[in-house]
Amino acid sequence: MLIYKIFRADEWADLQANGETQGAPIDVTDGYIHFSTAATVAETAAKYFDGVEGLVLLALESENLEPLKWEPARAGVLFPHLYRNLRIEDVLWDAPLPYVDGAHKFPDLT
């Protein structure tokens, strides 16, 4: 199953330059890297990145990530959390996440 991570441009550049990252500031604070599913990623973008331009969407295969835990978050919905650094080789693909007409425009996630 594909899962998704939204990064600001500098966070994505850091991962590319260093080969791994502890994630965004919220990930470092919480002690794990937050991901979303196809069903929750647009809500994540709206809630945490409203109006932010220059974002990058990363896609990862959940079955390749260890230790990945599915834990309840917003309204009890299960979200994937990675309890190690994110490595560049974990990323299957990346795509720009432009902010257009008041919302982020996602690529096809199916």
N, C-alpha and C. Protein backbone atom coordinates (compact mmCIF):
# COMPACT_ATOMS: atom_id res chain seq x y z
N MET A 1 0.85 -1.18 0.00
CA MET A 1 0.00 0.00 0.00
C MET A 1 0.89 1.24 0.00
N LEU A 2 0.59 2.17 -0.89
CA LEU A 2 1.34 3.41 -0.91
C LEU A 2 0.88 4.32 0.23
N ILE A 3 1.86 4.96 0.86
CA ILE A 3 1.59 6.00 1.86
C ILE A 3 2.36 7.24 1.42
N TYR A 4 2.02 8.39 2.02
CA TYR A 4 2.51 9.66 1.51
C TYR A 4 3.06 10.54 2.61
N LYS A 5 4.07 11.31 2.25
CA LYS A 5 4.68 12.29 3.14
C LYS A 5 4.72 13.61 2.40
N ILE A 6 4.29 14.67 3.07
CA ILE A 6 4.38 16.01 2.52
C ILE A 6 5.58 16.69 3.15
N PHE A 7 6.46 17.20 2.31
CA PHE A 7 7.63 17.92 2.78
C PHE A 7 7.65 19.32 2.18
N ARG A 8 8.18 20.26 2.95
CA ARG A 8 8.51 21.57 2.40
C ARG A 8 9.75 21.38 1.53
N ALA A 9 9.99 22.32 0.63
CA ALA A 9 11.10 22.19 -0.32
C ALA A 9 12.44 22.00 0.39
N ASP A 10 12.67 22.72 1.48
CA ASP A 10 13.96 22.60 2.17
C ASP A 10 14.10 21.24 2.85
N GLU A 11 13.00 20.67 3.33
CA GLU A 11 13.04 19.35 3.96
C GLU A 11 13.35 18.27 2.92
N TRP A 12 12.76 18.40 1.74
CA TRP A 12 13.01 17.47 0.65
C TRP A 12 14.46 17.60 0.18
N ALA A 13 14.95 18.83 0.06
CA ALA A 13 16.34 19.06 -0.34
C ALA A 13 17.30 18.46 0.67
N ASP A 14 16.98 18.55 1.95
CA ASP A 14 17.81 17.98 3.00
C ASP A 14 17.87 16.45 2.86
N LEU A 15 16.74 15.82 2.62
CA LEU A 15 16.72 14.37 2.44
C LEU A 15 17.54 13.97 1.22
N GLN A 16 17.40 14.69 0.13
CA GLN A 16 18.16 14.38 -1.07
C GLN A 16 19.66 14.56 -0.84
N ALA A 17 20.04 15.61 -0.14
CA ALA A 17 21.46 15.91 0.07
C ALA A 17 22.12 14.95 1.05
N ASN A 18 21.38 14.55 2.10
CA ASN A 18 21.97 13.75 3.17
C ASN A 18 21.65 12.27 3.09
N GLY A 19 20.67 11.90 2.27
CA GLY A 19 20.33 10.49 2.13
C GLY A 19 19.37 9.96 3.17
N GLU A 20 19.17 10.73 4.25
CA GLU A 20 18.20 10.36 5.27
C GLU A 20 17.84 11.59 6.09
N THR A 21 16.74 11.48 6.82
CA THR A 21 16.28 12.60 7.63
C THR A 21 15.44 12.09 8.80
N GLN A 22 15.42 12.88 9.87
CA GLN A 22 14.52 12.61 10.99
C GLN A 22 13.13 13.15 10.70
N GLY A 23 12.98 13.84 9.57
CA GLY A 23 11.69 14.36 9.16
C GLY A 23 11.54 15.85 9.41
N ALA A 24 10.31 16.29 9.36
CA ALA A 24 9.96 17.68 9.61
C ALA A 24 10.06 17.96 11.11
N PRO A 25 10.05 19.21 11.52
CA PRO A 25 10.13 19.52 12.95
C PRO A 25 9.10 18.77 13.80
N ILE A 26 7.87 18.61 13.33
CA ILE A 26 6.87 17.88 14.12
C ILE A 26 7.25 16.40 14.27
N ASP A 27 7.89 15.84 13.26
CA ASP A 27 8.33 14.45 13.34
C ASP A 27 9.41 14.31 14.41
N VAL A 28 10.36 15.22 14.40
CA VAL A 28 11.45 15.19 15.39
C VAL A 28 10.87 15.32 16.80
N THR A 29 9.94 16.26 16.98
CA THR A 29 9.30 16.47 18.28
C THR A 29 8.56 15.23 18.75
N ASP A 30 7.81 14.59 17.85
CA ASP A 30 6.98 13.44 18.23
C ASP A 30 7.77 12.12 18.30
N GLY A 31 8.96 12.08 17.71
CA GLY A 31 9.77 10.88 17.78
C GLY A 31 9.48 9.85 16.71
N TYR A 32 8.72 10.23 15.69
CA TYR A 32 8.43 9.35 14.56
C TYR A 32 8.04 10.19 13.38
N ILE A 33 8.10 9.60 12.19
CA ILE A 33 7.75 10.32 10.97
C ILE A 33 6.29 10.04 10.64
N HIS A 34 5.54 11.11 10.49
CA HIS A 34 4.11 11.05 10.17
C HIS A 34 3.91 10.83 8.67
N PHE A 35 3.01 9.92 8.33
CA PHE A 35 2.60 9.69 6.95
C PHE A 35 1.08 9.76 6.87
N SER A 36 0.59 9.86 5.65
CA SER A 36 -0.85 9.82 5.38
C SER A 36 -1.12 8.76 4.33
N THR A 37 -2.37 8.36 4.25
CA THR A 37 -2.81 7.45 3.20
C THR A 37 -3.42 8.28 2.08
N ALA A 38 -3.76 7.62 0.99
CA ALA A 38 -4.42 8.32 -0.12
C ALA A 38 -5.73 8.96 0.35
N ALA A 39 -6.40 8.32 1.30
CA ALA A 39 -7.68 8.82 1.81
C ALA A 39 -7.53 10.01 2.75
N THR A 40 -6.34 10.18 3.34
CA THR A 40 -6.18 11.23 4.35
C THR A 40 -5.20 12.34 3.97
N VAL A 41 -4.45 12.18 2.90
CA VAL A 41 -3.37 13.13 2.60
C VAL A 41 -3.90 14.52 2.22
N ALA A 42 -5.03 14.62 1.53
CA ALA A 42 -5.56 15.95 1.20
C ALA A 42 -5.99 16.69 2.46
N GLU A 43 -6.59 15.98 3.41
CA GLU A 43 -6.97 16.60 4.68
C GLU A 43 -5.73 17.04 5.45
N THR A 44 -4.69 16.23 5.42
CA THR A 44 -3.43 16.60 6.06
C THR A 44 -2.88 17.89 5.45
N ALA A 45 -2.89 17.98 4.14
CA ALA A 45 -2.41 19.19 3.46
C ALA A 45 -3.23 20.41 3.86
N ALA A 46 -4.53 20.26 3.89
CA ALA A 46 -5.41 21.38 4.24
C ALA A 46 -5.23 21.80 5.69
N LYS A 47 -5.06 20.84 6.57
CA LYS A 47 -4.97 21.13 8.01
C LYS A 47 -3.62 21.71 8.41
N TYR A 48 -2.54 21.17 7.87
CA TYR A 48 -1.21 21.55 8.33
C TYR A 48 -0.41 22.41 7.35
N PHE A 49 -0.85 22.49 6.09
CA PHE A 49 -0.07 23.20 5.09
C PHE A 49 -0.91 24.20 4.28
N ASP A 50 -2.03 24.65 4.83
CA ASP A 50 -2.89 25.58 4.11
C ASP A 50 -2.11 26.83 3.71
N GLY A 51 -2.14 27.14 2.43
CA GLY A 51 -1.47 28.33 1.91
C GLY A 51 0.01 28.18 1.67
N VAL A 52 0.59 27.05 2.02
CA VAL A 52 2.03 26.85 1.86
C VAL A 52 2.32 26.42 0.42
N GLU A 53 3.23 27.14 -0.21
CA GLU A 53 3.64 26.80 -1.57
C GLU A 53 4.98 26.08 -1.54
N GLY A 54 5.31 25.44 -2.65
CA GLY A 54 6.59 24.78 -2.77
C GLY A 54 6.67 23.44 -2.07
N LEU A 55 5.53 22.80 -1.85
CA LEU A 55 5.53 21.49 -1.19
C LEU A 55 5.84 20.38 -2.18
N VAL A 56 6.32 19.27 -1.62
CA VAL A 56 6.62 18.07 -2.41
C VAL A 56 5.91 16.89 -1.76
N LEU A 57 5.26 16.08 -2.58
CA LEU A 57 4.59 14.88 -2.11
C LEU A 57 5.50 13.68 -2.41
N LEU A 58 5.78 12.90 -1.37
CA LEU A 58 6.57 11.69 -1.52
C LEU A 58 5.67 10.47 -1.38
N ALA A 59 5.90 9.48 -2.21
CA ALA A 59 5.16 8.21 -2.12
C ALA A 59 6.12 7.11 -1.69
N LEU A 60 5.65 6.27 -0.77
CA LEU A 60 6.46 5.18 -0.23
C LEU A 60 5.60 3.93 -0.12
N GLU A 61 6.22 2.78 -0.22
CA GLU A 61 5.52 1.51 -0.06
C GLU A 61 5.54 1.14 1.41
N SER A 62 4.37 1.09 2.03
CA SER A 62 4.29 0.83 3.47
C SER A 62 4.91 -0.51 3.85
N GLU A 63 4.79 -1.51 2.99
CA GLU A 63 5.30 -2.84 3.31
C GLU A 63 6.83 -2.89 3.36
N ASN A 64 7.49 -1.87 2.82
CA ASN A 64 8.95 -1.83 2.82
C ASN A 64 9.51 -1.04 4.00
N LEU A 65 8.66 -0.50 4.85
CA LEU A 65 9.11 0.37 5.94
C LEU A 65 8.98 -0.35 7.28
N GLU A 66 10.09 -0.51 7.93
CA GLU A 66 10.12 -1.11 9.27
C GLU A 66 10.94 -0.22 10.18
N PRO A 67 10.56 0.02 11.38
CA PRO A 67 9.28 -0.36 12.00
C PRO A 67 8.20 0.69 11.75
N LEU A 68 7.19 0.31 11.02
CA LEU A 68 6.05 1.17 10.74
C LEU A 68 4.89 0.71 11.60
N LYS A 69 4.28 1.65 12.30
CA LYS A 69 3.13 1.33 13.15
C LYS A 69 1.93 2.15 12.68
N TRP A 70 0.77 1.51 12.67
CA TRP A 70 -0.48 2.18 12.36
C TRP A 70 -1.14 2.55 13.68
N GLU A 71 -1.24 3.86 13.93
CA GLU A 71 -1.73 4.33 15.22
C GLU A 71 -2.85 5.34 15.03
N PRO A 72 -3.80 5.38 15.98
CA PRO A 72 -4.91 6.32 15.85
C PRO A 72 -4.45 7.76 16.00
N ALA A 73 -5.06 8.62 15.20
CA ALA A 73 -4.77 10.05 15.27
C ALA A 73 -6.09 10.80 15.15
N ARG A 74 -6.23 11.64 14.14
CA ARG A 74 -7.45 12.44 13.98
C ARG A 74 -8.69 11.55 13.96
N ALA A 75 -9.61 11.82 14.87
CA ALA A 75 -10.90 11.12 14.94
C ALA A 75 -10.74 9.60 14.99
N GLY A 76 -9.64 9.13 15.56
CA GLY A 76 -9.43 7.71 15.71
C GLY A 76 -8.99 6.99 14.45
N VAL A 77 -8.78 7.73 13.36
CA VAL A 77 -8.33 7.13 12.11
C VAL A 77 -6.88 6.67 12.27
N LEU A 78 -6.56 5.50 11.74
CA LEU A 78 -5.20 4.98 11.83
C LEU A 78 -4.29 5.65 10.81
N PHE A 79 -3.15 6.13 11.30
CA PHE A 79 -2.14 6.75 10.44
C PHE A 79 -0.83 5.99 10.59
N PRO A 80 -0.06 5.87 9.50
CA PRO A 80 1.23 5.20 9.57
C PRO A 80 2.30 6.12 10.15
N HIS A 81 3.07 5.59 11.09
CA HIS A 81 4.16 6.31 11.74
C HIS A 81 5.42 5.46 11.64
N LEU A 82 6.50 6.07 11.17
CA LEU A 82 7.78 5.37 11.01
C LEU A 82 8.71 5.72 12.16
N TYR A 83 9.19 4.70 12.84
CA TYR A 83 10.05 4.89 14.01
C TYR A 83 11.53 4.67 13.67
N ARG A 84 11.97 5.35 12.67
CA ARG A 84 13.38 5.42 12.28
C ARG A 84 13.52 6.57 11.30
N ASN A 85 14.74 6.90 10.93
CA ASN A 85 14.96 7.93 9.92
C ASN A 85 14.37 7.49 8.59
N LEU A 86 13.89 8.46 7.86
CA LEU A 86 13.44 8.23 6.49
C LEU A 86 14.66 8.27 5.59
N ARG A 87 14.81 7.27 4.74
CA ARG A 87 15.95 7.20 3.84
C ARG A 87 15.51 7.48 2.41
N ILE A 88 16.39 8.07 1.65
CA ILE A 88 16.05 8.42 0.27
C ILE A 88 15.64 7.19 -0.52
N GLU A 89 16.23 6.02 -0.21
CA GLU A 89 15.86 4.81 -0.96
C GLU A 89 14.46 4.31 -0.60
N ASP A 90 13.86 4.85 0.45
CA ASP A 90 12.48 4.50 0.80
C ASP A 90 11.48 5.15 -0.16
N VAL A 91 11.88 6.23 -0.80
CA VAL A 91 10.97 7.03 -1.63
C VAL A 91 10.82 6.40 -3.01
N LEU A 92 9.58 6.09 -3.37
CA LEU A 92 9.30 5.52 -4.70
C LEU A 92 9.24 6.61 -5.76
N TRP A 93 8.55 7.67 -5.44
CA TRP A 93 8.47 8.81 -6.35
C TRP A 93 8.14 10.07 -5.57
N ASP A 94 8.39 11.20 -6.22
CA ASP A 94 8.05 12.50 -5.66
C ASP A 94 7.35 13.32 -6.73
N ALA A 95 6.53 14.24 -6.28
CA ALA A 95 5.80 15.12 -7.20
C ALA A 95 5.57 16.46 -6.53
N PRO A 96 5.61 17.54 -7.32
CA PRO A 96 5.28 18.84 -6.74
C PRO A 96 3.83 18.85 -6.28
N LEU A 97 3.56 19.64 -5.26
CA LEU A 97 2.21 19.76 -4.72
C LEU A 97 1.82 21.24 -4.76
N PRO A 98 1.48 21.72 -5.95
CA PRO A 98 1.21 23.16 -6.10
C PRO A 98 -0.05 23.59 -5.35
N TYR A 99 -0.02 24.83 -4.92
CA TYR A 99 -1.17 25.45 -4.24
C TYR A 99 -1.86 26.34 -5.26
N VAL A 100 -3.07 25.95 -5.67
CA VAL A 100 -3.78 26.65 -6.74
C VAL A 100 -5.22 26.90 -6.30
N ASP A 101 -5.65 28.14 -6.41
CA ASP A 101 -7.04 28.50 -6.11
C ASP A 101 -7.48 28.02 -4.73
N GLY A 102 -6.60 28.17 -3.73
CA GLY A 102 -6.96 27.90 -2.35
C GLY A 102 -6.84 26.45 -1.90
N ALA A 103 -6.22 25.60 -2.72
CA ALA A 103 -6.05 24.19 -2.34
C ALA A 103 -4.84 23.61 -3.04
N HIS A 104 -4.27 22.57 -2.42
CA HIS A 104 -3.17 21.86 -3.06
C HIS A 104 -3.72 20.91 -4.11
N LYS A 105 -3.03 20.85 -5.23
CA LYS A 105 -3.44 19.99 -6.34
C LYS A 105 -2.58 18.72 -6.34
N PHE A 106 -3.24 17.60 -6.10
CA PHE A 106 -2.56 16.32 -5.97
C PHE A 106 -2.50 15.58 -7.31
N PRO A 107 -1.43 14.82 -7.52
CA PRO A 107 -1.42 13.91 -8.66
C PRO A 107 -2.41 12.78 -8.40
N ASP A 108 -2.65 11.98 -9.40
CA ASP A 108 -3.53 10.83 -9.24
C ASP A 108 -2.87 9.84 -8.27
N LEU A 109 -3.57 9.51 -7.20
CA LEU A 109 -3.03 8.61 -6.18
C LEU A 109 -3.58 7.20 -6.28
N THR A 110 -4.30 6.91 -7.34
CA THR A 110 -4.86 5.56 -7.50
C THR A 110 -3.94 4.65 -8.26
